[in-house]
Amino acid sequence: MKHEVRAWGLAVVLAVGLAVPVAAQTEENGASGFTVGAESDSNSRYLWRALAWSQGAVWQPSLWVGRSGFELSLWANFPLGDEPTKHKFNEIDLRLSYAKEWGRFTFAPAFNVYSYPNQDKDENPTTGEIEVMAAYAFDPFTISTIHFLDVWDNPGGYIGEVALEFEESPAESLVLSAAARLTFGNAKFHSYYIPVDKAAASALIFEVGLTYNLSSAVYLRPHVEWTTLLDSEVKKAVAESDWVFSGKAALLNFGLALGFEF
């Protein structure tokens, strides 16, 4: 509970710190230089790092505000199916990130706080990760790598990925995106979430999305995600685990997101 209070205290402080200048600058100049956005994403299942964290459909709203490369965002998970936390938020995450571009290169560090309201606090404690992302773009492709290190409840737990991403606009109001990701984690990460005490290249993830820009600020994005576990011991541990909602090695998610950003 103390961790959740600290996380929400940090969220409030940062949100107020960003919102006050937005209001002041907008009033004085008619423009803020800030980006503000929100999204409502409905999914057939909650997949996270190739593991199922819901039995069925979920609603995942988010909102964010950014300026000068910094972005503060909140994300939540709301199960819609018949499960213990049905019709209650069971995860609320806070993220503060910074992105810097040098030509085709992008470097983006971040800090993530994961909290789990309406769940057992001993089994689902608040935790936090340092995140570092680096990417190189050669249109329409981007090669990226991202790394997460837990520094809170599971210090030393690490998972990373390498990815090849594609983005192209087949029409003026449409953007087609796709990505293939290979994830790998250390023994401390796997033993915390699955559990299996082994470092491994754990999963392949494939994503496809089509964004339809309804206006300059509003978009609709259907998307599909397919994941498959790679390591035999990880597969066996997931199949026997009581911690995740599906023991299947391969999982499929369909989603539809409606959002805006200006």
C-alpha atoms as a PDB file:
ATOM      1  CA  MET A   1       0.000   0.000   0.000  1.00  0.00           C
ATOM      2  CA  LYS A   2       2.854   2.407   0.758  1.00  0.00           C
ATOM      3  CA  HIS A   3       4.271   1.764  -2.695  1.00  0.00           C
ATOM      4  CA  GLU A   4       0.909   2.557  -4.302  1.00  0.00           C
ATOM      5  CA  VAL A   5       0.610   5.778  -2.311  1.00  0.00           C
ATOM      6  CA  ARG A   6       4.083   6.818  -3.455  1.00  0.00           C
ATOM      7  CA  ALA A   7       3.261   5.939  -7.077  1.00  0.00           C
ATOM      8  CA  TRP A   8       0.042   7.918  -7.098  1.00  0.00           C
ATOM      9  CA  GLY A   9       1.700  10.764  -5.218  1.00  0.00           C
ATOM     10  CA  LEU A  10       4.335  10.919  -7.937  1.00  0.00           C
ATOM     11  CA  ALA A  11       1.649  10.826 -10.629  1.00  0.00           C
ATOM     12  CA  VAL A  12      -0.245  13.723  -9.079  1.00  0.00           C
ATOM     13  CA  VAL A  13       2.884  15.844  -8.595  1.00  0.00           C
ATOM     14  CA  LEU A  14       4.062  15.296 -12.174  1.00  0.00           C
ATOM     15  CA  ALA A  15       0.616  15.779 -13.685  1.00  0.00           C
ATOM     16  CA  VAL A  16       0.089  19.049 -11.846  1.00  0.00           C
ATOM     17  CA  GLY A  17       3.605  20.158 -12.734  1.00  0.00           C
ATOM     18  CA  LEU A  18       2.827  19.636 -16.424  1.00  0.00           C
ATOM     19  CA  ALA A  19      -0.792  20.829 -16.414  1.00  0.00           C
ATOM     20  CA  VAL A  20      -0.174  24.227 -14.792  1.00  0.00           C
ATOM     21  CA  PRO A  21       2.254  25.446 -17.485  1.00  0.00           C
ATOM     22  CA  VAL A  22      -0.109  24.124 -20.173  1.00  0.00           C
ATOM     23  CA  ALA A  23      -2.995  26.210 -18.880  1.00  0.00           C
ATOM     24  CA  ALA A  24      -0.855  29.304 -18.342  1.00  0.00           C
ATOM     25  CA  GLN A  25       0.839  29.201 -21.728  1.00  0.00           C
ATOM     26  CA  THR A  26      -2.379  28.426 -23.591  1.00  0.00           C
ATOM     27  CA  GLU A  27      -4.090  31.385 -21.963  1.00  0.00           C
ATOM     28  CA  GLU A  28      -1.234  33.783 -22.767  1.00  0.00           C
ATOM     29  CA  ASN A  29      -0.271  32.661 -26.269  1.00  0.00           C
ATOM     30  CA  GLY A  30      -3.201  30.624 -27.558  1.00  0.00           C
ATOM     31  CA  ALA A  31      -0.835  27.674 -28.042  1.00  0.00           C
ATOM     32  CA  SER A  32       0.946  25.506 -25.516  1.00  0.00           C
ATOM     33  CA  GLY A  33       3.599  23.419 -27.303  1.00  0.00           C
ATOM     34  CA  PHE A  34       2.244  20.450 -25.335  1.00  0.00           C
ATOM     35  CA  THR A  35       0.735  17.268 -26.741  1.00  0.00           C
ATOM     36  CA  VAL A  36      -2.270  15.809 -24.966  1.00  0.00           C
ATOM     37  CA  GLY A  37      -3.916  12.513 -25.811  1.00  0.00           C
ATOM     38  CA  ALA A  38      -6.215   9.746 -24.642  1.00  0.00           C
ATOM     39  CA  GLU A  39      -7.103   6.302 -25.954  1.00  0.00           C
ATOM     40  CA  SER A  40      -9.754   3.670 -25.324  1.00  0.00           C
ATOM     41  CA  ASP A  41      -8.443   0.240 -26.350  1.00  0.00           C
ATOM     42  CA  SER A  42     -10.693  -2.846 -26.185  1.00  0.00           C
ATOM     43  CA  ASN A  43      -8.959  -6.227 -26.463  1.00  0.00           C
ATOM     44  CA  SER A  44     -10.057  -9.848 -26.598  1.00  0.00           C
ATOM     45  CA  ARG A  45      -7.384 -10.654 -23.985  1.00  0.00           C
ATOM     46  CA  TYR A  46      -4.724  -8.881 -21.931  1.00  0.00           C
ATOM     47  CA  LEU A  47      -1.366 -10.015 -23.294  1.00  0.00           C
ATOM     48  CA  TRP A  48       1.833  -8.714 -21.725  1.00  0.00           C
ATOM     49  CA  ARG A  49       5.264  -9.999 -22.696  1.00  0.00           C
ATOM     50  CA  ALA A  50       3.710 -13.027 -24.430  1.00  0.00           C
ATOM     51  CA  LEU A  51       1.787 -14.070 -21.290  1.00  0.00           C
ATOM     52  CA  ALA A  52      -1.982 -13.951 -20.714  1.00  0.00           C
ATOM     53  CA  TRP A  53      -3.068 -11.793 -17.786  1.00  0.00           C
ATOM     54  CA  SER A  54      -6.818 -12.103 -18.294  1.00  0.00           C
ATOM     55  CA  GLN A  55      -9.268 -14.899 -19.036  1.00  0.00           C
ATOM     56  CA  GLY A  56     -11.111 -12.866 -21.629  1.00  0.00           C
ATOM     57  CA  ALA A  57     -11.925  -9.393 -22.903  1.00  0.00           C
ATOM     58  CA  VAL A  58     -10.499  -6.259 -21.298  1.00  0.00           C
ATOM     59  CA  TRP A  59     -10.817  -2.502 -21.643  1.00  0.00           C
ATOM     60  CA  GLN A  60      -7.501  -0.621 -21.482  1.00  0.00           C
ATOM     61  CA  PRO A  61      -7.806   3.185 -21.368  1.00  0.00           C
ATOM     62  CA  SER A  62      -4.807   5.499 -21.298  1.00  0.00           C
ATOM     63  CA  LEU A  63      -4.010   9.188 -21.282  1.00  0.00           C
ATOM     64  CA  TRP A  64      -0.841  11.190 -21.714  1.00  0.00           C
ATOM     65  CA  VAL A  65       0.646  14.665 -21.792  1.00  0.00           C
ATOM     66  CA  GLY A  66       4.007  15.599 -23.243  1.00  0.00           C
ATOM     67  CA  ARG A  67       6.336  18.456 -24.026  1.00  0.00           C
ATOM     68  CA  SER A  68       9.919  18.911 -25.273  1.00  0.00           C
ATOM     69  CA  GLY A  69      10.522  15.173 -25.544  1.00  0.00           C
ATOM     70  CA  PHE A  70       9.070  14.350 -22.111  1.00  0.00           C
ATOM     71  CA  GLU A  71       5.841  12.398 -21.734  1.00  0.00           C
ATOM     72  CA  LEU A  72       3.815  11.407 -18.671  1.00  0.00           C
ATOM     73  CA  SER A  73       1.203   8.697 -19.189  1.00  0.00           C
ATOM     74  CA  LEU A  74      -1.295   6.643 -17.221  1.00  0.00           C
ATOM     75  CA  TRP A  75      -2.588   3.266 -18.407  1.00  0.00           C
ATOM     76  CA  ALA A  76      -5.195   0.984 -16.823  1.00  0.00           C
ATOM     77  CA  ASN A  77      -6.662  -2.500 -17.266  1.00  0.00           C
ATOM     78  CA  PHE A  78     -10.354  -3.248 -16.683  1.00  0.00           C
ATOM     79  CA  PRO A  79     -11.452  -6.909 -17.088  1.00  0.00           C
ATOM     80  CA  LEU A  80     -14.797  -7.398 -18.824  1.00  0.00           C
ATOM     81  CA  GLY A  81     -15.020 -11.184 -18.516  1.00  0.00           C
ATOM     82  CA  ASP A  82     -16.064 -13.404 -15.628  1.00  0.00           C
ATOM     83  CA  GLU A  83     -12.945 -13.332 -13.453  1.00  0.00           C
ATOM     84  CA  PRO A  84     -12.063 -12.293  -9.872  1.00  0.00           C
ATOM     85  CA  THR A  85     -11.667  -8.570 -10.643  1.00  0.00           C
ATOM     86  CA  LYS A  86     -14.554  -8.321 -13.122  1.00  0.00           C
ATOM     87  CA  HIS A  87     -15.703  -4.716 -13.659  1.00  0.00           C
ATOM     88  CA  LYS A  88     -12.894  -3.345 -11.492  1.00  0.00           C
ATOM     89  CA  PHE A  89      -9.572  -1.790 -12.441  1.00  0.00           C
ATOM     90  CA  ASN A  90      -6.936  -4.371 -11.516  1.00  0.00           C
ATOM     91  CA  GLU A  91      -3.842  -2.606 -12.875  1.00  0.00           C
ATOM     92  CA  ILE A  92      -2.875   1.045 -13.140  1.00  0.00           C
ATOM     93  CA  ASP A  93       0.543   1.974 -14.542  1.00  0.00           C
ATOM     94  CA  LEU A  94       2.422   5.246 -14.512  1.00  0.00           C
ATOM     95  CA  ARG A  95       5.160   6.039 -17.032  1.00  0.00           C
ATOM     96  CA  LEU A  96       7.524   8.983 -17.400  1.00  0.00           C
ATOM     97  CA  SER A  97       9.670   8.977 -20.541  1.00  0.00           C
ATOM     98  CA  TYR A  98      11.994  11.187 -22.553  1.00  0.00           C
ATOM     99  CA  ALA A  99      12.806  10.795 -26.261  1.00  0.00           C
ATOM    100  CA  LYS A 100      15.671  12.404 -28.157  1.00  0.00           C
ATOM    101  CA  GLU A 101      16.278  12.148 -31.899  1.00  0.00           C
ATOM    102  CA  TRP A 102      19.561  12.542 -33.782  1.00  0.00           C
ATOM    103  CA  GLY A 103      18.760  12.186 -37.471  1.00  0.00           C
ATOM    104  CA  ARG A 104      17.652   8.587 -37.962  1.00  0.00           C
ATOM    105  CA  PHE A 105      18.526   7.571 -34.375  1.00  0.00           C
ATOM    106  CA  THR A 106      16.167   7.787 -31.395  1.00  0.00           C
ATOM    107  CA  PHE A 107      17.136   7.255 -27.756  1.00  0.00           C
ATOM    108  CA  ALA A 108      14.389   7.063 -25.103  1.00  0.00           C
ATOM    109  CA  PRO A 109      14.834   6.308 -21.387  1.00  0.00           C
ATOM    110  CA  ALA A 110      11.770   5.891 -19.155  1.00  0.00           C
ATOM    111  CA  PHE A 111      10.598   4.806 -15.728  1.00  0.00           C
ATOM    112  CA  ASN A 112       7.494   2.618 -15.272  1.00  0.00           C
ATOM    113  CA  VAL A 113       5.487   2.020 -12.096  1.00  0.00           C
ATOM    114  CA  TYR A 114       3.088  -0.964 -12.087  1.00  0.00           C
ATOM    115  CA  SER A 115       0.371  -1.046  -9.416  1.00  0.00           C
ATOM    116  CA  TYR A 116      -2.431  -3.593  -8.912  1.00  0.00           C
ATOM    117  CA  PRO A 117      -5.564  -2.281  -7.147  1.00  0.00           C
ATOM    118  CA  ASN A 118      -8.341  -4.735  -6.202  1.00  0.00           C
ATOM    119  CA  GLN A 119      -5.829  -7.588  -6.050  1.00  0.00           C
ATOM    120  CA  ASP A 120      -3.972  -9.303  -3.228  1.00  0.00           C
ATOM    121  CA  LYS A 121      -1.124  -6.956  -2.251  1.00  0.00           C
ATOM    122  CA  ASP A 122       1.224  -9.773  -1.228  1.00  0.00           C
ATOM    123  CA  GLU A 123       0.784 -11.704  -4.480  1.00  0.00           C
ATOM    124  CA  ASN A 124       0.710  -8.575  -6.676  1.00  0.00           C
ATOM    125  CA  PRO A 125       2.966  -5.918  -5.130  1.00  0.00           C
ATOM    126  CA  THR A 126       3.686  -2.584  -6.780  1.00  0.00           C
ATOM    127  CA  THR A 127       6.940  -2.608  -8.712  1.00  0.00           C
ATOM    128  CA  GLY A 128       8.938  -0.337 -11.011  1.00  0.00           C
ATOM    129  CA  GLU A 129      11.266  -0.705 -13.986  1.00  0.00           C
ATOM    130  CA  ILE A 130      13.910   1.414 -15.659  1.00  0.00           C
ATOM    131  CA  GLU A 131      13.419   1.281 -19.440  1.00  0.00           C
ATOM    132  CA  VAL A 132      15.900   2.178 -22.191  1.00  0.00           C
ATOM    133  CA  MET A 133      15.033   2.163 -25.900  1.00  0.00           C
ATOM    134  CA  ALA A 134      17.218   2.815 -28.938  1.00  0.00           C
ATOM    135  CA  ALA A 135      16.047   2.813 -32.561  1.00  0.00           C
ATOM    136  CA  TYR A 136      17.316   3.443 -36.069  1.00  0.00           C
ATOM    137  CA  ALA A 137      14.871   4.353 -38.849  1.00  0.00           C
ATOM    138  CA  PHE A 138      15.315   3.647 -42.550  1.00  0.00           C
ATOM    139  CA  ASP A 139      11.840   4.274 -43.954  1.00  0.00           C
ATOM    140  CA  PRO A 140       9.548   2.434 -44.020  1.00  0.00           C
ATOM    141  CA  PHE A 141      11.404   0.220 -41.504  1.00  0.00           C
ATOM    142  CA  THR A 142      12.786   0.786 -38.003  1.00  0.00           C
ATOM    143  CA  ILE A 143      15.176  -1.454 -36.079  1.00  0.00           C
ATOM    144  CA  SER A 144      14.810  -1.068 -32.325  1.00  0.00           C
ATOM    145  CA  THR A 145      15.933  -2.590 -29.054  1.00  0.00           C
ATOM    146  CA  ILE A 146      14.370  -2.013 -25.664  1.00  0.00           C
ATOM    147  CA  HIS A 147      15.490  -3.132 -22.206  1.00  0.00           C
ATOM    148  CA  PHE A 148      13.659  -3.224 -18.851  1.00  0.00           C
ATOM    149  CA  LEU A 149      15.320  -3.593 -15.442  1.00  0.00           C
ATOM    150  CA  ASP A 150      13.241  -3.964 -12.284  1.00  0.00           C
ATOM    151  CA  VAL A 151      14.534  -1.771  -9.455  1.00  0.00           C
ATOM    152  CA  TRP A 152      11.642  -2.024  -6.998  1.00  0.00           C
ATOM    153  CA  ASP A 153      10.034  -5.286  -5.905  1.00  0.00           C
ATOM    154  CA  ASN A 154      12.148  -7.635  -8.054  1.00  0.00           C
ATOM    155  CA  PRO A 155      15.482  -5.802  -8.296  1.00  0.00           C
ATOM    156  CA  GLY A 156      17.682  -7.244 -11.009  1.00  0.00           C
ATOM    157  CA  GLY A 157      14.798  -8.775 -12.975  1.00  0.00           C
ATOM    158  CA  TYR A 158      15.523  -8.037 -16.638  1.00  0.00           C
ATOM    159  CA  ILE A 159      13.737  -8.497 -19.950  1.00  0.00           C
ATOM    160  CA  GLY A 160      14.687  -7.089 -23.332  1.00  0.00           C
ATOM    161  CA  GLU A 161      13.681  -7.266 -26.966  1.00  0.00           C
ATOM    162  CA  VAL A 162      14.901  -6.596 -30.474  1.00  0.00           C
ATOM    163  CA  ALA A 163      12.361  -5.642 -33.107  1.00  0.00           C
ATOM    164  CA  LEU A 164      11.865  -4.882 -36.765  1.00  0.00           C
ATOM    165  CA  GLU A 165       8.998  -2.449 -37.318  1.00  0.00           C
ATOM    166  CA  PHE A 166       7.264  -1.322 -40.497  1.00  0.00           C
ATOM    167  CA  GLU A 167       5.051   1.715 -41.130  1.00  0.00           C
ATOM    168  CA  GLU A 168       3.599   2.927 -44.400  1.00  0.00           C
ATOM    169  CA  SER A 169       0.690   5.120 -45.481  1.00  0.00           C
ATOM    170  CA  PRO A 170      -1.240   3.419 -48.321  1.00  0.00           C
ATOM    171  CA  ALA A 171      -3.734   6.314 -48.444  1.00  0.00           C
ATOM    172  CA  GLU A 172      -3.938   9.837 -47.101  1.00  0.00           C
ATOM    173  CA  SER A 173      -5.898   8.929 -43.963  1.00  0.00           C
ATOM    174  CA  LEU A 174      -4.510   5.396 -43.409  1.00  0.00           C
ATOM    175  CA  VAL A 175      -1.329   4.161 -41.735  1.00  0.00           C
ATOM    176  CA  LEU A 176      -0.396   0.471 -41.858  1.00  0.00           C
ATOM    177  CA  SER A 177       2.013  -0.750 -39.177  1.00  0.00           C
ATOM    178  CA  ALA A 178       3.564  -4.128 -38.394  1.00  0.00           C
ATOM    179  CA  ALA A 179       6.265  -5.423 -36.062  1.00  0.00           C
ATOM    180  CA  ALA A 180       8.154  -8.607 -35.233  1.00  0.00           C
ATOM    181  CA  ARG A 181       9.736  -8.798 -31.765  1.00  0.00           C
ATOM    182  CA  LEU A 182      12.061 -11.298 -30.089  1.00  0.00           C
ATOM    183  CA  THR A 183      12.074 -11.135 -26.283  1.00  0.00           C
ATOM    184  CA  PHE A 184      14.656 -12.483 -23.844  1.00  0.00           C
ATOM    185  CA  GLY A 185      14.709 -12.423 -20.047  1.00  0.00           C
ATOM    186  CA  ASN A 186      16.992 -13.433 -17.213  1.00  0.00           C
ATOM    187  CA  ALA A 187      16.265 -16.054 -14.570  1.00  0.00           C
ATOM    188  CA  LYS A 188      15.133 -13.467 -12.033  1.00  0.00           C
ATOM    189  CA  PHE A 189      12.504 -12.075 -14.391  1.00  0.00           C
ATOM    190  CA  HIS A 190      11.164 -15.508 -15.360  1.00  0.00           C
ATOM    191  CA  SER A 191      11.095 -16.823 -11.791  1.00  0.00           C
ATOM    192  CA  TYR A 192       9.140 -13.730 -10.684  1.00  0.00           C
ATOM    193  CA  TYR A 193       6.410 -13.909 -13.343  1.00  0.00           C
ATOM    194  CA  ILE A 194       6.033 -17.540 -14.515  1.00  0.00           C
ATOM    195  CA  PRO A 195       7.904 -19.084 -12.494  1.00  0.00           C
ATOM    196  CA  VAL A 196      10.937 -20.823 -13.988  1.00  0.00           C
ATOM    197  CA  ASP A 197      14.476 -20.169 -12.807  1.00  0.00           C
ATOM    198  CA  LYS A 198      16.108 -19.841 -16.215  1.00  0.00           C
ATOM    199  CA  ALA A 199      17.459 -17.169 -18.553  1.00  0.00           C
ATOM    200  CA  ALA A 200      16.118 -17.654 -22.082  1.00  0.00           C
ATOM    201  CA  ALA A 201      15.066 -16.155 -25.386  1.00  0.00           C
ATOM    202  CA  SER A 202      11.454 -16.501 -24.374  1.00  0.00           C
ATOM    203  CA  ALA A 203       9.040 -15.406 -27.097  1.00  0.00           C
ATOM    204  CA  LEU A 204       8.280 -14.135 -30.586  1.00  0.00           C
ATOM    205  CA  ILE A 205       5.625 -11.444 -30.936  1.00  0.00           C
ATOM    206  CA  PHE A 206       3.987 -10.329 -34.182  1.00  0.00           C
ATOM    207  CA  GLU A 207       1.754  -7.248 -34.405  1.00  0.00           C
ATOM    208  CA  VAL A 208      -0.286  -5.677 -37.215  1.00  0.00           C
ATOM    209  CA  GLY A 209      -2.353  -2.490 -36.986  1.00  0.00           C
ATOM    210  CA  LEU A 210      -4.225  -0.162 -39.325  1.00  0.00           C
ATOM    211  CA  THR A 211      -4.769   3.408 -38.166  1.00  0.00           C
ATOM    212  CA  TYR A 212      -7.604   5.374 -39.772  1.00  0.00           C
ATOM    213  CA  ASN A 213      -7.348   9.105 -39.081  1.00  0.00           C
ATOM    214  CA  LEU A 214     -10.922  10.319 -38.699  1.00  0.00           C
ATOM    215  CA  SER A 215      -9.607  13.886 -38.412  1.00  0.00           C
ATOM    216  CA  SER A 216      -6.309  15.610 -37.683  1.00  0.00           C
ATOM    217  CA  ALA A 217      -6.672  14.657 -34.000  1.00  0.00           C
ATOM    218  CA  VAL A 218      -8.941  11.574 -33.814  1.00  0.00           C
ATOM    219  CA  TYR A 219      -8.051   8.056 -34.967  1.00  0.00           C
ATOM    220  CA  LEU A 220      -9.437   4.515 -35.036  1.00  0.00           C
ATOM    221  CA  ARG A 221      -7.007   1.584 -34.959  1.00  0.00           C
ATOM    222  CA  PRO A 222      -7.916  -2.107 -35.264  1.00  0.00           C
ATOM    223  CA  HIS A 223      -4.947  -4.301 -34.364  1.00  0.00           C
ATOM    224  CA  VAL A 224      -3.936  -7.947 -34.008  1.00  0.00           C
ATOM    225  CA  GLU A 225      -1.197  -9.518 -31.854  1.00  0.00           C
ATOM    226  CA  TRP A 226       0.099 -13.094 -32.033  1.00  0.00           C
ATOM    227  CA  THR A 227       2.654 -14.446 -29.581  1.00  0.00           C
ATOM    228  CA  THR A 228       4.458 -17.748 -29.208  1.00  0.00           C
ATOM    229  CA  LEU A 229       6.798 -18.975 -26.483  1.00  0.00           C
ATOM    230  CA  LEU A 230      10.125 -20.386 -27.684  1.00  0.00           C
ATOM    231  CA  ASP A 231      11.977 -22.062 -24.834  1.00  0.00           C
ATOM    232  CA  SER A 232      10.786 -25.564 -23.843  1.00  0.00           C
ATOM    233  CA  GLU A 233      11.279 -25.005 -20.103  1.00  0.00           C
ATOM    234  CA  VAL A 234       9.454 -21.686 -20.247  1.00  0.00           C
ATOM    235  CA  LYS A 235       6.590 -23.387 -22.133  1.00  0.00           C
ATOM    236  CA  LYS A 236       6.396 -26.152 -19.513  1.00  0.00           C
ATOM    237  CA  ALA A 237       6.435 -23.697 -16.617  1.00  0.00           C
ATOM    238  CA  VAL A 238       3.688 -21.560 -18.209  1.00  0.00           C
ATOM    239  CA  ALA A 239       1.554 -24.653 -18.838  1.00  0.00           C
ATOM    240  CA  GLU A 240       1.824 -25.589 -15.145  1.00  0.00           C
ATOM    241  CA  SER A 241       1.673 -22.076 -13.693  1.00  0.00           C
ATOM    242  CA  ASP A 242      -1.163 -20.811 -11.503  1.00  0.00           C
ATOM    243  CA  TRP A 243       0.059 -17.238 -12.005  1.00  0.00           C
ATOM    244  CA  VAL A 244      -0.969 -16.690 -15.628  1.00  0.00           C
ATOM    245  CA  PHE A 245      -4.442 -17.161 -17.104  1.00  0.00           C
ATOM    246  CA  SER A 246      -3.497 -19.420 -20.027  1.00  0.00           C
ATOM    247  CA  GLY A 247      -0.948 -22.189 -20.256  1.00  0.00           C
ATOM    248  CA  LYS A 248      -0.914 -22.095 -24.051  1.00  0.00           C
ATOM    249  CA  ALA A 249       2.405 -21.476 -25.779  1.00  0.00           C
ATOM    250  CA  ALA A 250       0.731 -19.471 -28.577  1.00  0.00           C
ATOM    251  CA  LEU A 251      -1.831 -16.711 -27.993  1.00  0.00           C
ATOM    252  CA  LEU A 252      -3.867 -14.373 -30.206  1.00  0.00           C
ATOM    253  CA  ASN A 253      -5.392 -10.992 -29.363  1.00  0.00           C
ATOM    254  CA  PHE A 254      -7.737  -8.770 -31.372  1.00  0.00           C
ATOM    255  CA  GLY A 255      -8.126  -5.137 -30.393  1.00  0.00           C
ATOM    256  CA  LEU A 256      -9.818  -1.895 -31.410  1.00  0.00           C
ATOM    257  CA  ALA A 257      -8.508   1.450 -30.200  1.00  0.00           C
ATOM    258  CA  LEU A 258     -10.184   4.858 -30.482  1.00  0.00           C
ATOM    259  CA  GLY A 259      -8.080   7.843 -29.487  1.00  0.00           C
ATOM    260  CA  PHE A 260      -7.136  11.440 -29.976  1.00  0.00           C
ATOM    261  CA  GLU A 261      -3.988  13.546 -29.709  1.00  0.00           C
ATOM    262  CA  PHE A 262      -3.472  17.233 -30.261  1.00  0.00           C
END
